[in-house]
């Protein structure tokens, strides 16, 4: 098996850097602060933006009493 040349993009390293950056930004936030941060933070990546919006909506739904319970 031949040795691959240097990678142009390291997905694992990129994911770890993004996770570490987000963890540093949100460290110490309460649940309410985190939900507020998710609502106001805007991402350049549309996929990340949709995920953040869905997370904020999920938090809103969890805060509302359910009619069927």
PDB file of N, CA and C in Angstrom:
ATOM      1  N   UNK A   1       0.840  -1.172   0.000  1.00  0.00           N
ATOM      2  CA  UNK A   1       0.000   0.000   0.000  1.00  0.00           C
ATOM      3  C   UNK A   1       0.888   1.240   0.000  1.00  0.00           C
ATOM      4  N   UNK A   2       0.627   2.160  -0.864  1.00  0.00           N
ATOM      5  CA  UNK A   2       1.459   3.358  -0.950  1.00  0.00           C
ATOM      6  C   UNK A   2       1.009   4.403   0.074  1.00  0.00           C
ATOM      7  N   UNK A   3       1.925   5.233   0.488  1.00  0.00           N
ATOM      8  CA  UNK A   3       1.616   6.297   1.433  1.00  0.00           C
ATOM      9  C   UNK A   3       0.935   7.432   0.678  1.00  0.00           C
ATOM     10  N   UNK A   4      -0.191   7.908   1.196  1.00  0.00           N
ATOM     11  CA  UNK A   4      -0.842   9.039   0.531  1.00  0.00           C
ATOM     12  C   UNK A   4      -0.029  10.312   0.743  1.00  0.00           C
ATOM     13  N   UNK A   5      -0.111  11.194  -0.217  1.00  0.00           N
ATOM     14  CA  UNK A   5       0.558  12.485  -0.062  1.00  0.00           C
ATOM     15  C   UNK A   5      -0.231  13.320   0.948  1.00  0.00           C
ATOM     16  N   UNK A   6       0.256  14.478   1.280  1.00  0.00           N
ATOM     17  CA  UNK A   6      -0.418  15.308   2.284  1.00  0.00           C
ATOM     18  C   UNK A   6      -1.854  15.609   1.842  1.00  0.00           C
ATOM     19  N   UNK A   7      -2.741  15.611   2.809  1.00  0.00           N
ATOM     20  CA  UNK A   7      -4.148  15.854   2.530  1.00  0.00           C
ATOM     21  C   UNK A   7      -4.386  17.328   2.243  1.00  0.00           C
ATOM     22  N   UNK A   8      -5.263  17.569   1.293  1.00  0.00           N
ATOM     23  CA  UNK A   8      -5.649  18.948   1.003  1.00  0.00           C
ATOM     24  C   UNK A   8      -6.620  19.453   2.076  1.00  0.00           C
ATOM     25  N   UNK A   9      -7.452  18.553   2.615  1.00  0.00           N
ATOM     26  CA  UNK A   9      -8.436  18.925   3.626  1.00  0.00           C
ATOM     27  C   UNK A   9      -8.576  17.767   4.602  1.00  0.00           C
ATOM     28  N   UNK A  10      -8.454  18.048   5.877  1.00  0.00           N
ATOM     29  CA  UNK A  10      -8.600  17.022   6.912  1.00  0.00           C
ATOM     30  C   UNK A  10      -9.937  17.254   7.610  1.00  0.00           C
ATOM     31  N   UNK A  11     -10.910  16.427   7.282  1.00  0.00           N
ATOM     32  CA  UNK A  11     -12.271  16.567   7.804  1.00  0.00           C
ATOM     33  C   UNK A  11     -12.302  16.442   9.325  1.00  0.00           C
ATOM     34  N   UNK A  12     -11.604  15.462   9.863  1.00  0.00           N
ATOM     35  CA  UNK A  12     -11.620  15.233  11.310  1.00  0.00           C
ATOM     36  C   UNK A  12     -11.027  16.446  12.034  1.00  0.00           C
ATOM     37  N   UNK A  13      -9.915  16.948  11.537  1.00  0.00           N
ATOM     38  CA  UNK A  13      -9.293  18.112  12.165  1.00  0.00           C
ATOM     39  C   UNK A  13     -10.216  19.327  12.087  1.00  0.00           C
ATOM     40  N   UNK A  14     -10.855  19.519  10.955  1.00  0.00           N
ATOM     41  CA  UNK A  14     -11.767  20.637  10.779  1.00  0.00           C
ATOM     42  C   UNK A  14     -12.945  20.538  11.748  1.00  0.00           C
ATOM     43  N   UNK A  15     -13.517  19.348  11.893  1.00  0.00           N
ATOM     44  CA  UNK A  15     -14.633  19.137  12.810  1.00  0.00           C
ATOM     45  C   UNK A  15     -14.205  19.416  14.247  1.00  0.00           C
ATOM     46  N   UNK A  16     -13.038  18.957  14.627  1.00  0.00           N
ATOM     47  CA  UNK A  16     -12.551  19.173  15.993  1.00  0.00           C
ATOM     48  C   UNK A  16     -12.328  20.654  16.269  1.00  0.00           C
ATOM     49  N   UNK A  17     -11.791  21.371  15.298  1.00  0.00           N
ATOM     50  CA  UNK A  17     -11.566  22.809  15.472  1.00  0.00           C
ATOM     51  C   UNK A  17     -12.893  23.551  15.632  1.00  0.00           C
ATOM     52  N   UNK A  18     -13.878  23.189  14.822  1.00  0.00           N
ATOM     53  CA  UNK A  18     -15.194  23.829  14.914  1.00  0.00           C
ATOM     54  C   UNK A  18     -15.838  23.520  16.261  1.00  0.00           C
ATOM     55  N   UNK A  19     -15.759  22.278  16.691  1.00  0.00           N
ATOM     56  CA  UNK A  19     -16.340  21.877  17.980  1.00  0.00           C
ATOM     57  C   UNK A  19     -15.663  22.615  19.129  1.00  0.00           C
ATOM     58  N   UNK A  20     -14.350  22.713  19.080  1.00  0.00           N
ATOM     59  CA  UNK A  20     -13.618  23.399  20.144  1.00  0.00           C
ATOM     60  C   UNK A  20     -13.964  24.888  20.189  1.00  0.00           C
ATOM     61  N   UNK A  21     -14.101  25.502  19.012  1.00  0.00           N
ATOM     62  CA  UNK A  21     -14.454  26.925  18.951  1.00  0.00           C
ATOM     63  C   UNK A  21     -15.848  27.166  19.527  1.00  0.00           C
ATOM     64  N   UNK A  22     -16.816  26.325  19.129  1.00  0.00           N
ATOM     65  CA  UNK A  22     -18.181  26.473  19.636  1.00  0.00           C
ATOM     66  C   UNK A  22     -18.255  26.186  21.130  1.00  0.00           C
ATOM     67  N   UNK A  23     -17.516  25.201  21.587  1.00  0.00           N
ATOM     68  CA  UNK A  23     -17.493  24.885  23.020  1.00  0.00           C
ATOM     69  C   UNK A  23     -16.944  26.060  23.818  1.00  0.00           C
ATOM     70  N   UNK A  24     -15.903  26.697  23.304  1.00  0.00           N
ATOM     71  CA  UNK A  24     -15.312  27.847  23.992  1.00  0.00           C
ATOM     72  C   UNK A  24     -16.301  29.019  24.029  1.00  0.00           C
ATOM     73  N   UNK A  25     -17.048  29.225  22.942  1.00  0.00           N
ATOM     74  CA  UNK A  25     -18.012  30.324  22.881  1.00  0.00           C
ATOM     75  C   UNK A  25     -19.184  30.115  23.828  1.00  0.00           C
ATOM     76  N   UNK A  26     -19.607  28.872  24.019  1.00  0.00           N
ATOM     77  CA  UNK A  26     -20.816  28.605  24.801  1.00  0.00           C
ATOM     78  C   UNK A  26     -20.531  28.087  26.207  1.00  0.00           C
ATOM     79  N   UNK A  27     -19.262  27.939  26.552  1.00  0.00           N
ATOM     80  CA  UNK A  27     -18.901  27.409  27.859  1.00  0.00           C
ATOM     81  C   UNK A  27     -19.453  28.315  28.964  1.00  0.00           C
ATOM     82  N   UNK A  28     -20.072  27.707  29.934  1.00  0.00           N
ATOM     83  CA  UNK A  28     -20.587  28.446  31.081  1.00  0.00           C
ATOM     84  C   UNK A  28     -21.952  29.066  30.873  1.00  0.00           C
ATOM     85  N   UNK A  29     -22.533  28.914  29.688  1.00  0.00           N
ATOM     86  CA  UNK A  29     -23.856  29.490  29.444  1.00  0.00           C
ATOM     87  C   UNK A  29     -24.926  28.636  30.102  1.00  0.00           C
ATOM     88  N   UNK A  30     -25.945  29.304  30.619  1.00  0.00           N
ATOM     89  CA  UNK A  30     -27.103  28.585  31.126  1.00  0.00           C
ATOM     90  C   UNK A  30     -27.924  28.096  29.934  1.00  0.00           C
ATOM     91  N   UNK A  31     -28.916  27.277  30.193  1.00  0.00           N
ATOM     92  CA  UNK A  31     -29.775  26.772  29.123  1.00  0.00           C
ATOM     93  C   UNK A  31     -30.445  27.932  28.387  1.00  0.00           C
ATOM     94  N   UNK A  32     -30.984  28.885  29.143  1.00  0.00           N
ATOM     95  CA  UNK A  32     -31.661  30.023  28.523  1.00  0.00           C
ATOM     96  C   UNK A  32     -30.699  30.872  27.699  1.00  0.00           C
ATOM     97  N   UNK A  33     -29.482  31.069  28.194  1.00  0.00           N
ATOM     98  CA  UNK A  33     -28.480  31.828  27.449  1.00  0.00           C
ATOM     99  C   UNK A  33     -28.102  31.103  26.168  1.00  0.00           C
ATOM    100  N   UNK A  34     -27.989  29.783  26.235  1.00  0.00           N
ATOM    101  CA  UNK A  34     -27.646  28.996  25.055  1.00  0.00           C
ATOM    102  C   UNK A  34     -28.746  29.079  23.999  1.00  0.00           C
ATOM    103  N   UNK A  35     -30.003  28.999  24.424  1.00  0.00           N
ATOM    104  CA  UNK A  35     -31.127  29.111  23.485  1.00  0.00           C
ATOM    105  C   UNK A  35     -31.118  30.490  22.828  1.00  0.00           C
ATOM    106  N   UNK A  36     -30.886  31.541  23.625  1.00  0.00           N
ATOM    107  CA  UNK A  36     -30.825  32.889  23.071  1.00  0.00           C
ATOM    108  C   UNK A  36     -29.671  33.002  22.071  1.00  0.00           C
ATOM    109  N   UNK A  37     -28.524  32.428  22.411  1.00  0.00           N
ATOM    110  CA  UNK A  37     -27.364  32.451  21.518  1.00  0.00           C
ATOM    111  C   UNK A  37     -27.681  31.751  20.201  1.00  0.00           C
ATOM    112  N   UNK A  38     -28.376  30.612  20.279  1.00  0.00           N
ATOM    113  CA  UNK A  38     -28.752  29.889  19.061  1.00  0.00           C
ATOM    114  C   UNK A  38     -29.663  30.733  18.177  1.00  0.00           C
ATOM    115  N   UNK A  39     -30.554  31.516  18.804  1.00  0.00           N
ATOM    116  CA  UNK A  39     -31.481  32.343  18.032  1.00  0.00           C
ATOM    117  C   UNK A  39     -30.784  33.490  17.312  1.00  0.00           C
ATOM    118  N   UNK A  40     -29.804  34.108  17.957  1.00  0.00           N
ATOM    119  CA  UNK A  40     -29.207  35.316  17.367  1.00  0.00           C
ATOM    120  C   UNK A  40     -27.951  35.039  16.552  1.00  0.00           C
ATOM    121  N   UNK A  41     -27.303  33.909  16.768  1.00  0.00           N
ATOM    122  CA  UNK A  41     -26.074  33.600  16.051  1.00  0.00           C
ATOM    123  C   UNK A  41     -26.398  33.230  14.607  1.00  0.00           C
ATOM    124  N   UNK A  42     -25.691  33.810  13.665  1.00  0.00           N
ATOM    125  CA  UNK A  42     -25.897  33.525  12.243  1.00  0.00           C
ATOM    126  C   UNK A  42     -24.661  32.852  11.675  1.00  0.00           C
ATOM    127  N   UNK A  43     -24.891  31.793  10.928  1.00  0.00           N
ATOM    128  CA  UNK A  43     -23.826  31.025  10.308  1.00  0.00           C
ATOM    129  C   UNK A  43     -23.752  31.320   8.817  1.00  0.00           C
ATOM    130  N   UNK A  44     -22.553  31.302   8.267  1.00  0.00           N
ATOM    131  CA  UNK A  44     -22.384  31.462   6.821  1.00  0.00           C
ATOM    132  C   UNK A  44     -22.852  30.204   6.100  1.00  0.00           C
ATOM    133  N   UNK A  45     -22.706  29.057   6.739  1.00  0.00           N
ATOM    134  CA  UNK A  45     -23.099  27.777   6.147  1.00  0.00           C
ATOM    135  C   UNK A  45     -24.607  27.592   6.334  1.00  0.00           C
ATOM    136  N   UNK A  46     -25.386  27.466   5.258  1.00  0.00           N
ATOM    137  CA  UNK A  46     -26.844  27.343   5.385  1.00  0.00           C
ATOM    138  C   UNK A  46     -27.282  26.087   6.135  1.00  0.00           C
ATOM    139  N   UNK A  47     -26.510  25.018   6.061  1.00  0.00           N
ATOM    140  CA  UNK A  47     -26.866  23.797   6.793  1.00  0.00           C
ATOM    141  C   UNK A  47     -26.748  24.041   8.293  1.00  0.00           C
ATOM    142  N   UNK A  48     -25.661  24.664   8.719  1.00  0.00           N
ATOM    143  CA  UNK A  48     -25.493  24.981  10.135  1.00  0.00           C
ATOM    144  C   UNK A  48     -26.561  25.962  10.606  1.00  0.00           C
ATOM    145  N   UNK A  49     -26.928  26.900   9.762  1.00  0.00           N
ATOM    146  CA  UNK A  49     -27.960  27.861  10.131  1.00  0.00           C
ATOM    147  C   UNK A  49     -29.289  27.159  10.356  1.00  0.00           C
ATOM    148  N   UNK A  50     -29.657  26.236   9.468  1.00  0.00           N
ATOM    149  CA  UNK A  50     -30.915  25.489   9.637  1.00  0.00           C
ATOM    150  C   UNK A  50     -30.879  24.642  10.911  1.00  0.00           C
ATOM    151  N   UNK A  51     -29.731  24.025  11.212  1.00  0.00           N
ATOM    152  CA  UNK A  51     -29.615  23.233  12.434  1.00  0.00           C
ATOM    153  C   UNK A  51     -29.791  24.104  13.671  1.00  0.00           C
ATOM    154  N   UNK A  52     -29.188  25.284  13.677  1.00  0.00           N
ATOM    155  CA  UNK A  52     -29.317  26.194  14.814  1.00  0.00           C
ATOM    156  C   UNK A  52     -30.774  26.638  14.978  1.00  0.00           C
ATOM    157  N   UNK A  53     -31.447  26.940  13.877  1.00  0.00           N
ATOM    158  CA  UNK A  53     -32.848  27.352  13.943  1.00  0.00           C
ATOM    159  C   UNK A  53     -33.729  26.226  14.468  1.00  0.00           C
ATOM    160  N   UNK A  54     -33.470  25.006  14.008  1.00  0.00           N
ATOM    161  CA  UNK A  54     -34.244  23.860  14.499  1.00  0.00           C
ATOM    162  C   UNK A  54     -33.996  23.624  15.988  1.00  0.00           C
ATOM    163  N   UNK A  55     -32.763  23.801  16.438  1.00  0.00           N
ATOM    164  CA  UNK A  55     -32.451  23.633  17.863  1.00  0.00           C
ATOM    165  C   UNK A  55     -33.193  24.674  18.690  1.00  0.00           C
ATOM    166  N   UNK A  56     -33.261  25.905  18.218  1.00  0.00           N
ATOM    167  CA  UNK A  56     -33.983  26.954  18.933  1.00  0.00           C
ATOM    168  C   UNK A  56     -35.479  26.655  18.946  1.00  0.00           C
ATOM    169  N   UNK A  57     -36.023  26.161  17.831  1.00  0.00           N
ATOM    170  CA  UNK A  57     -37.439  25.801  17.779  1.00  0.00           C
ATOM    171  C   UNK A  57     -37.737  24.652  18.727  1.00  0.00           C
ATOM    172  N   UNK A  58     -36.845  23.688  18.787  1.00  0.00           N
ATOM    173  CA  UNK A  58     -37.021  22.548  19.688  1.00  0.00           C
ATOM    174  C   UNK A  58     -37.035  23.025  21.138  1.00  0.00           C
ATOM    175  N   UNK A  59     -36.158  23.955  21.459  1.00  0.00           N
ATOM    176  CA  UNK A  59     -36.118  24.509  22.816  1.00  0.00           C
ATOM    177  C   UNK A  59     -37.417  25.251  23.122  1.00  0.00           C
ATOM    178  N   UNK A  60     -37.934  26.010  22.140  1.00  0.00           N
ATOM    179  CA  UNK A  60     -39.205  26.710  22.336  1.00  0.00           C
ATOM    180  C   UNK A  60     -40.338  25.716  22.576  1.00  0.00           C
ATOM    181  N   UNK A  61     -40.352  24.647  21.806  1.00  0.00           N
ATOM    182  CA  UNK A  61     -41.413  23.634  21.948  1.00  0.00           C
ATOM    183  C   UNK A  61     -41.316  22.958  23.310  1.00  0.00           C
ATOM    184  N   UNK A  62     -40.125  22.736  23.799  1.00  0.00           N
ATOM    185  CA  UNK A  62     -39.949  22.095  25.104  1.00  0.00           C
ATOM    186  C   UNK A  62     -40.422  23.002  26.227  1.00  0.00           C
ATOM    187  N   UNK A  63     -40.377  24.317  26.013  1.00  0.00           N
ATOM    188  CA  UNK A  63     -40.805  25.271  27.039  1.00  0.00           C
ATOM    189  C   UNK A  63     -42.316  25.440  27.093  1.00  0.00           C
ATOM    190  N   UNK A  64     -42.995  25.135  25.975  1.00  0.00           N
ATOM    191  CA  UNK A  64     -44.448  25.300  25.928  1.00  0.00           C
ATOM    192  C   UNK A  64     -45.139  24.073  26.503  1.00  0.00           C
ATOM    193  N   UNK A  65     -46.216  24.272  27.253  1.00  0.00           N
ATOM    194  CA  UNK A  65     -46.957  23.112  27.741  1.00  0.00           C
ATOM    195  C   UNK A  65     -47.651  22.409  26.580  1.00  0.00           C
ATOM    196  N   UNK A  66     -47.688  21.103  26.643  1.00  0.00           N
ATOM    197  CA  UNK A  66     -48.316  20.328  25.581  1.00  0.00           C
ATOM    198  C   UNK A  66     -49.801  20.149  25.879  1.00  0.00           C
ATOM    199  N   UNK A  67     -50.634  20.345  24.861  1.00  0.00           N
ATOM    200  CA  UNK A  67     -52.081  20.233  25.032  1.00  0.00           C
ATOM    201  C   UNK A  67     -52.518  18.797  25.224  1.00  0.00           C
ATOM    202  N   UNK A  68     -51.773  17.849  24.660  1.00  0.00           N
ATOM    203  CA  UNK A  68     -52.198  16.444  24.699  1.00  0.00           C
ATOM    204  C   UNK A  68     -51.677  15.652  25.877  1.00  0.00           C
ATOM    205  N   UNK A  69     -50.957  16.261  26.777  1.00  0.00           N
ATOM    206  CA  UNK A  69     -50.395  15.495  27.899  1.00  0.00           C
ATOM    207  C   UNK A  69     -51.286  15.453  29.079  1.00  0.00           C
TER     208      UNK A  69
END
